[in-house]
Amino acid sequence: MPAHDLVELLRRLHGEAGMVLAGAQGSREDVETNERFQRGHDACEQVLADLDPGKGEHA
């Protein structure tokens, strides 16, 4: 996969996870799901930062 496609995919996943987390509810099931989304969000952010320092946190 070309690097620019990977970066675009990671940015989209990062953004979608952020939107889900922003609309989070408080039930137990939601907490577990939100933890998974948070881990995915953080992982995307870290990979983006490693691929393109300076843009990873602002994607």
PDB file of N, CA and C in Angstrom:
ATOM      1  N   MET A   1       0.857  -1.171   0.000  1.00  0.00           N
ATOM      2  CA  MET A   1       0.000   0.000   0.000  1.00  0.00           C
ATOM      3  C   MET A   1       0.904   1.235   0.000  1.00  0.00           C
ATOM      4  N   PRO A   2       0.661   2.157  -0.899  1.00  0.00           N
ATOM      5  CA  PRO A   2       1.466   3.386  -0.913  1.00  0.00           C
ATOM      6  C   PRO A   2       1.299   4.162   0.395  1.00  0.00           C
ATOM      7  N   ALA A   3       2.363   4.820   0.801  1.00  0.00           N
ATOM      8  CA  ALA A   3       2.364   5.554   2.082  1.00  0.00           C
ATOM      9  C   ALA A   3       1.238   6.582   2.153  1.00  0.00           C
ATOM     10  N   HIS A   4       0.988   7.309   1.065  1.00  0.00           N
ATOM     11  CA  HIS A   4      -0.061   8.343   1.130  1.00  0.00           C
ATOM     12  C   HIS A   4      -1.439   7.719   1.323  1.00  0.00           C
ATOM     13  N   ASP A   5      -1.679   6.509   0.781  1.00  0.00           N
ATOM     14  CA  ASP A   5      -2.955   5.821   1.010  1.00  0.00           C
ATOM     15  C   ASP A   5      -3.079   5.385   2.462  1.00  0.00           C
ATOM     16  N   LEU A   6      -1.980   4.893   3.028  1.00  0.00           N
ATOM     17  CA  LEU A   6      -1.984   4.488   4.430  1.00  0.00           C
ATOM     18  C   LEU A   6      -2.264   5.679   5.339  1.00  0.00           C
ATOM     19  N   VAL A   7      -1.624   6.794   5.067  1.00  0.00           N
ATOM     20  CA  VAL A   7      -1.836   8.005   5.871  1.00  0.00           C
ATOM     21  C   VAL A   7      -3.293   8.450   5.775  1.00  0.00           C
ATOM     22  N   GLU A   8      -3.858   8.428   4.575  1.00  0.00           N
ATOM     23  CA  GLU A   8      -5.262   8.828   4.401  1.00  0.00           C
ATOM     24  C   GLU A   8      -6.187   7.901   5.174  1.00  0.00           C
ATOM     25  N   LEU A   9      -5.946   6.603   5.095  1.00  0.00           N
ATOM     26  CA  LEU A   9      -6.755   5.640   5.831  1.00  0.00           C
ATOM     27  C   LEU A   9      -6.660   5.872   7.338  1.00  0.00           C
ATOM     28  N   LEU A  10      -5.455   6.055   7.836  1.00  0.00           N
ATOM     29  CA  LEU A  10      -5.272   6.295   9.272  1.00  0.00           C
ATOM     30  C   LEU A  10      -5.946   7.583   9.711  1.00  0.00           C
ATOM     31  N   ARG A  11      -5.881   8.620   8.895  1.00  0.00           N
ATOM     32  CA  ARG A  11      -6.561   9.881   9.244  1.00  0.00           C
ATOM     33  C   ARG A  11      -8.064   9.695   9.320  1.00  0.00           C
ATOM     34  N   ARG A  12      -8.615   8.923   8.381  1.00  0.00           N
ATOM     35  CA  ARG A  12     -10.061   8.684   8.398  1.00  0.00           C
ATOM     36  C   ARG A  12     -10.464   7.873   9.627  1.00  0.00           C
ATOM     37  N   LEU A  13      -9.715   6.797   9.919  1.00  0.00           N
ATOM     38  CA  LEU A  13     -10.011   5.992  11.104  1.00  0.00           C
ATOM     39  C   LEU A  13      -9.881   6.812  12.382  1.00  0.00           C
ATOM     40  N   HIS A  14      -8.847   7.631  12.449  1.00  0.00           N
ATOM     41  CA  HIS A  14      -8.619   8.494  13.606  1.00  0.00           C
ATOM     42  C   HIS A  14      -9.798   9.444  13.789  1.00  0.00           C
ATOM     43  N   GLY A  15     -10.227  10.055  12.705  1.00  0.00           N
ATOM     44  CA  GLY A  15     -11.356  10.993  12.771  1.00  0.00           C
ATOM     45  C   GLY A  15     -12.656  10.320  13.158  1.00  0.00           C
ATOM     46  N   GLU A  16     -12.915   9.138  12.595  1.00  0.00           N
ATOM     47  CA  GLU A  16     -14.148   8.425  12.920  1.00  0.00           C
ATOM     48  C   GLU A  16     -14.153   7.970  14.373  1.00  0.00           C
ATOM     49  N   ALA A  17     -13.026   7.494  14.857  1.00  0.00           N
ATOM     50  CA  ALA A  17     -12.948   7.091  16.269  1.00  0.00           C
ATOM     51  C   ALA A  17     -13.174   8.298  17.168  1.00  0.00           C
ATOM     52  N   GLY A  18     -12.618   9.438  16.796  1.00  0.00           N
ATOM     53  CA  GLY A  18     -12.813  10.653  17.575  1.00  0.00           C
ATOM     54  C   GLY A  18     -14.266  11.075  17.625  1.00  0.00           C
ATOM     55  N   MET A  19     -14.976  10.929  16.504  1.00  0.00           N
ATOM     56  CA  MET A  19     -16.400  11.288  16.475  1.00  0.00           C
ATOM     57  C   MET A  19     -17.218  10.354  17.362  1.00  0.00           C
ATOM     58  N   VAL A  20     -16.908   9.068  17.335  1.00  0.00           N
ATOM     59  CA  VAL A  20     -17.620   8.119  18.192  1.00  0.00           C
ATOM     60  C   VAL A  20     -17.358   8.448  19.653  1.00  0.00           C
ATOM     61  N   LEU A  21     -16.101   8.721  19.981  1.00  0.00           N
ATOM     62  CA  LEU A  21     -15.762   9.041  21.369  1.00  0.00           C
ATOM     63  C   LEU A  21     -16.423  10.336  21.827  1.00  0.00           C
ATOM     64  N   ALA A  22     -16.586  11.293  20.939  1.00  0.00           N
ATOM     65  CA  ALA A  22     -17.212  12.561  21.302  1.00  0.00           C
ATOM     66  C   ALA A  22     -18.692  12.382  21.633  1.00  0.00           C
ATOM     67  N   GLY A  23     -19.329  11.372  21.039  1.00  0.00           N
ATOM     68  CA  GLY A  23     -20.745  11.123  21.295  1.00  0.00           C
ATOM     69  C   GLY A  23     -20.968   9.984  22.271  1.00  0.00           C
ATOM     70  N   ALA A  24     -19.981   9.670  23.082  1.00  0.00           N
ATOM     71  CA  ALA A  24     -20.027   8.518  23.984  1.00  0.00           C
ATOM     72  C   ALA A  24     -21.134   8.634  25.016  1.00  0.00           C
ATOM     73  N   GLN A  25     -21.726   7.486  25.329  1.00  0.00           N
ATOM     74  CA  GLN A  25     -22.742   7.390  26.376  1.00  0.00           C
ATOM     75  C   GLN A  25     -22.110   6.739  27.602  1.00  0.00           C
ATOM     76  N   GLY A  26     -22.901   6.521  28.649  1.00  0.00           N
ATOM     77  CA  GLY A  26     -22.341   6.052  29.900  1.00  0.00           C
ATOM     78  C   GLY A  26     -22.629   4.619  30.310  1.00  0.00           C
ATOM     79  N   SER A  27     -23.297   3.798  29.489  1.00  0.00           N
ATOM     80  CA  SER A  27     -23.579   2.430  29.918  1.00  0.00           C
ATOM     81  C   SER A  27     -22.302   1.595  29.956  1.00  0.00           C
ATOM     82  N   ARG A  28     -22.364   0.459  30.637  1.00  0.00           N
ATOM     83  CA  ARG A  28     -21.191  -0.421  30.774  1.00  0.00           C
ATOM     84  C   ARG A  28     -20.704  -0.885  29.399  1.00  0.00           C
ATOM     85  N   GLU A  29     -21.631  -1.282  28.537  1.00  0.00           N
ATOM     86  CA  GLU A  29     -21.260  -1.723  27.191  1.00  0.00           C
ATOM     87  C   GLU A  29     -20.577  -0.591  26.434  1.00  0.00           C
ATOM     88  N   ASP A  30     -21.100   0.602  26.572  1.00  0.00           N
ATOM     89  CA  ASP A  30     -20.506   1.750  25.900  1.00  0.00           C
ATOM     90  C   ASP A  30     -19.095   2.019  26.413  1.00  0.00           C
ATOM     91  N   VAL A  31     -18.868   1.832  27.690  1.00  0.00           N
ATOM     92  CA  VAL A  31     -17.546   2.057  28.271  1.00  0.00           C
ATOM     93  C   VAL A  31     -16.534   1.117  27.632  1.00  0.00           C
ATOM     94  N   GLU A  32     -16.889  -0.168  27.497  1.00  0.00           N
ATOM     95  CA  GLU A  32     -15.986  -1.143  26.886  1.00  0.00           C
ATOM     96  C   GLU A  32     -15.730  -0.800  25.423  1.00  0.00           C
ATOM     97  N   THR A  33     -16.778  -0.437  24.706  1.00  0.00           N
ATOM     98  CA  THR A  33     -16.635  -0.053  23.298  1.00  0.00           C
ATOM     99  C   THR A  33     -15.785   1.196  23.174  1.00  0.00           C
ATOM    100  N   ASN A  34     -16.030   2.165  24.042  1.00  0.00           N
ATOM    101  CA  ASN A  34     -15.266   3.408  23.998  1.00  0.00           C
ATOM    102  C   ASN A  34     -13.789   3.176  24.289  1.00  0.00           C
ATOM    103  N   GLU A  35     -13.497   2.224  25.172  1.00  0.00           N
ATOM    104  CA  GLU A  35     -12.093   1.898  25.445  1.00  0.00           C
ATOM    105  C   GLU A  35     -11.422   1.349  24.196  1.00  0.00           C
ATOM    106  N   ARG A  36     -12.137   0.517  23.439  1.00  0.00           N
ATOM    107  CA  ARG A  36     -11.584  -0.015  22.184  1.00  0.00           C
ATOM    108  C   ARG A  36     -11.380   1.110  21.170  1.00  0.00           C
ATOM    109  N   PHE A  37     -12.364   1.985  21.047  1.00  0.00           N
ATOM    110  CA  PHE A  37     -12.223   3.113  20.131  1.00  0.00           C
ATOM    111  C   PHE A  37     -11.068   4.016  20.555  1.00  0.00           C
ATOM    112  N   GLN A  38     -10.911   4.213  21.860  1.00  0.00           N
ATOM    113  CA  GLN A  38      -9.820   5.059  22.349  1.00  0.00           C
ATOM    114  C   GLN A  38      -8.468   4.457  21.996  1.00  0.00           C
ATOM    115  N   ARG A  39      -8.337   3.130  22.175  1.00  0.00           N
ATOM    116  CA  ARG A  39      -7.082   2.469  21.817  1.00  0.00           C
ATOM    117  C   ARG A  39      -6.814   2.598  20.326  1.00  0.00           C
ATOM    118  N   GLY A  40      -7.846   2.419  19.496  1.00  0.00           N
ATOM    119  CA  GLY A  40      -7.693   2.587  18.047  1.00  0.00           C
ATOM    120  C   GLY A  40      -7.330   4.014  17.679  1.00  0.00           C
ATOM    121  N   HIS A  41      -7.996   4.963  18.316  1.00  0.00           N
ATOM    122  CA  HIS A  41      -7.732   6.384  18.087  1.00  0.00           C
ATOM    123  C   HIS A  41      -6.285   6.712  18.433  1.00  0.00           C
ATOM    124  N   ASP A  42      -5.843   6.240  19.598  1.00  0.00           N
ATOM    125  CA  ASP A  42      -4.465   6.495  20.036  1.00  0.00           C
ATOM    126  C   ASP A  42      -3.450   5.823  19.122  1.00  0.00           C
ATOM    127  N   ALA A  43      -3.758   4.595  18.679  1.00  0.00           N
ATOM    128  CA  ALA A  43      -2.839   3.881  17.793  1.00  0.00           C
ATOM    129  C   ALA A  43      -2.703   4.607  16.458  1.00  0.00           C
ATOM    130  N   CYS A  44      -3.826   5.053  15.899  1.00  0.00           N
ATOM    131  CA  CYS A  44      -3.775   5.810  14.639  1.00  0.00           C
ATOM    132  C   CYS A  44      -2.957   7.078  14.816  1.00  0.00           C
ATOM    133  N   GLU A  45      -3.184   7.767  15.913  1.00  0.00           N
ATOM    134  CA  GLU A  45      -2.456   9.007  16.177  1.00  0.00           C
ATOM    135  C   GLU A  45      -0.949   8.756  16.254  1.00  0.00           C
ATOM    136  N   GLN A  46      -0.561   7.670  16.928  1.00  0.00           N
ATOM    137  CA  GLN A  46       0.865   7.358  17.070  1.00  0.00           C
ATOM    138  C   GLN A  46       1.494   6.987  15.728  1.00  0.00           C
ATOM    139  N   VAL A  47       0.809   6.156  14.952  1.00  0.00           N
ATOM    140  CA  VAL A  47       1.352   5.766  13.646  1.00  0.00           C
ATOM    141  C   VAL A  47       1.447   6.980  12.733  1.00  0.00           C
ATOM    142  N   LEU A  48       0.422   7.831  12.745  1.00  0.00           N
ATOM    143  CA  LEU A  48       0.474   9.049  11.936  1.00  0.00           C
ATOM    144  C   LEU A  48       1.646   9.940  12.358  1.00  0.00           C
ATOM    145  N   ALA A  49       1.854  10.065  13.647  1.00  0.00           N
ATOM    146  CA  ALA A  49       2.973  10.880  14.133  1.00  0.00           C
ATOM    147  C   ALA A  49       4.301  10.283  13.698  1.00  0.00           C
ATOM    148  N   ASP A  50       4.405   8.957  13.713  1.00  0.00           N
ATOM    149  CA  ASP A  50       5.639   8.297  13.286  1.00  0.00           C
ATOM    150  C   ASP A  50       5.872   8.463  11.790  1.00  0.00           C
ATOM    151  N   LEU A  51       4.785   8.435  11.005  1.00  0.00           N
ATOM    152  CA  LEU A  51       4.912   8.583   9.561  1.00  0.00           C
ATOM    153  C   LEU A  51       5.141  10.017   9.126  1.00  0.00           C
ATOM    154  N   ASP A  52       4.544  10.949   9.855  1.00  0.00           N
ATOM    155  CA  ASP A  52       4.597  12.351   9.451  1.00  0.00           C
ATOM    156  C   ASP A  52       4.640  13.236  10.693  1.00  0.00           C
ATOM    157  N   PRO A  53       5.799  13.334  11.361  1.00  0.00           N
ATOM    158  CA  PRO A  53       5.886  14.155  12.566  1.00  0.00           C
ATOM    159  C   PRO A  53       5.376  15.581  12.298  1.00  0.00           C
ATOM    160  N   GLY A  54       4.607  16.080  13.237  1.00  0.00           N
ATOM    161  CA  GLY A  54       4.066  17.434  13.071  1.00  0.00           C
ATOM    162  C   GLY A  54       2.629  17.435  12.589  1.00  0.00           C
ATOM    163  N   LYS A  55       2.178  16.326  11.987  1.00  0.00           N
ATOM    164  CA  LYS A  55       0.793  16.250  11.528  1.00  0.00           C
ATOM    165  C   LYS A  55      -0.002  15.190  12.253  1.00  0.00           C
ATOM    166  N   GLY A  56       0.628  14.255  12.912  1.00  0.00           N
ATOM    167  CA  GLY A  56      -0.070  13.152  13.553  1.00  0.00           C
ATOM    168  C   GLY A  56      -1.096  13.579  14.568  1.00  0.00           C
ATOM    169  N   GLU A  57      -0.797  14.557  15.403  1.00  0.00           N
ATOM    170  CA  GLU A  57      -1.725  14.980  16.428  1.00  0.00           C
ATOM    171  C   GLU A  57      -2.840  15.867  15.889  1.00  0.00           C
ATOM    172  N   HIS A  58      -2.659  16.409  14.721  1.00  0.00           N
ATOM    173  CA  HIS A  58      -3.643  17.356  14.190  1.00  0.00           C
ATOM    174  C   HIS A  58      -4.436  16.790  13.039  1.00  0.00           C
ATOM    175  N   ALA A  59      -4.366  15.517  12.783  1.00  0.00           N
ATOM    176  CA  ALA A  59      -5.046  14.892  11.650  1.00  0.00           C
ATOM    177  C   ALA A  59      -6.535  14.838  11.853  1.00  0.00           C
TER     178      ALA A  59
END
